[in-house]
Amino acid sequence: MACAASTEPAGQFDLDAPWRLDARVRVRPEAFGALLYHFGTRQLSFLKSPALLEVVRSLAAHAARRQACRPGI
């Protein structure tokens, strides 16, 4: 099963490729990070860090995943 936010098959992760959150995923911020719900697969995921939530929110604004993971870029 692929990640709700991935555009690649499971097991492949290229930090230099672009990434965006699937349109069927909703993010609900929480004090611990966030809840993510995929309306297509009905899968619930947890982000256990507010910093990770910021990375997920900024994915579409970067040309590569590596850039989204660098603070201040």
Protein backbone atom coordinates (compact mmCIF):
# COMPACT_ATOMS: atom_id res chain seq x y z
CA MET A 1 0.00 0.00 0.00
CA ALA A 2 1.39 3.41 -0.92
CA CYS A 3 1.48 6.35 1.45
CA ALA A 4 -1.49 8.71 1.26
CA ALA A 5 0.81 11.54 0.23
CA SER A 6 3.02 9.57 -2.16
CA THR A 7 2.95 9.55 -5.95
CA GLU A 8 5.21 6.46 -6.14
CA PRO A 9 4.78 2.76 -5.40
CA ALA A 10 5.55 1.69 -1.83
CA GLY A 11 9.22 1.14 -1.08
CA GLN A 12 10.50 3.92 -3.37
CA PHE A 13 11.44 7.31 -1.99
CA ASP A 14 13.34 9.82 -4.12
CA LEU A 15 14.20 12.97 -2.15
CA ASP A 16 14.85 14.89 -5.36
CA ALA A 17 11.37 14.28 -6.82
CA PRO A 18 8.41 16.60 -6.22
CA TRP A 19 5.71 15.53 -3.78
CA ARG A 20 2.23 16.77 -2.97
CA LEU A 21 -0.53 15.73 -0.65
CA ASP A 22 -3.27 13.69 -2.33
CA ALA A 23 -6.41 15.78 -2.96
CA ARG A 24 -8.45 13.17 -1.06
CA VAL A 25 -6.41 13.70 2.14
CA ARG A 26 -7.58 16.10 4.83
CA VAL A 27 -5.23 17.37 7.52
CA ARG A 28 -6.49 18.27 10.98
CA PRO A 29 -3.87 20.08 13.09
CA GLU A 30 -3.59 18.91 16.70
CA ALA A 31 -1.37 19.87 19.64
CA PHE A 32 0.85 16.81 19.00
CA GLY A 33 1.09 17.36 15.22
CA ALA A 34 -1.88 16.36 13.05
CA LEU A 35 -4.38 13.74 11.99
CA LEU A 36 -4.53 12.87 8.28
CA TYR A 37 -7.55 11.12 6.80
CA HIS A 38 -7.66 9.73 3.26
CA PHE A 39 -11.25 9.70 1.98
CA GLY A 40 -10.41 7.20 -0.77
CA THR A 41 -8.81 4.49 1.34
CA ARG A 42 -10.40 5.56 4.66
CA GLN A 43 -6.94 5.39 6.21
CA LEU A 44 -6.14 7.49 9.28
CA SER A 45 -2.54 8.58 9.83
CA PHE A 46 -0.85 10.60 12.54
CA LEU A 47 1.89 13.21 12.33
CA LYS A 48 3.52 13.14 15.74
CA SER A 49 5.33 16.46 15.45
CA PRO A 50 4.29 20.04 14.64
CA ALA A 51 7.53 20.34 12.64
CA LEU A 52 6.49 17.39 10.46
CA LEU A 53 3.12 19.05 9.91
CA GLU A 54 4.92 22.11 8.54
CA VAL A 55 6.89 19.90 6.14
CA VAL A 56 3.67 18.27 4.89
CA ARG A 57 1.96 21.64 4.48
CA SER A 58 4.90 22.98 2.44
CA LEU A 59 5.37 19.98 0.09
CA ALA A 60 3.58 21.47 -2.92
CA ALA A 61 5.60 24.70 -2.66
CA HIS A 62 8.90 22.89 -3.30
CA ALA A 63 10.33 21.32 -6.43
CA ALA A 64 11.80 18.41 -4.43
CA ARG A 65 11.14 16.65 -1.15
CA ARG A 66 14.67 17.39 -0.02
CA GLN A 67 13.89 21.15 -0.16
CA ALA A 68 10.69 20.74 1.87
CA CYS A 69 12.66 19.03 4.65
CA ARG A 70 15.16 21.88 5.04
CA PRO A 71 14.10 24.48 7.60
CA GLY A 72 13.92 28.05 6.36
CA ILE A 73 13.80 27.22 2.65
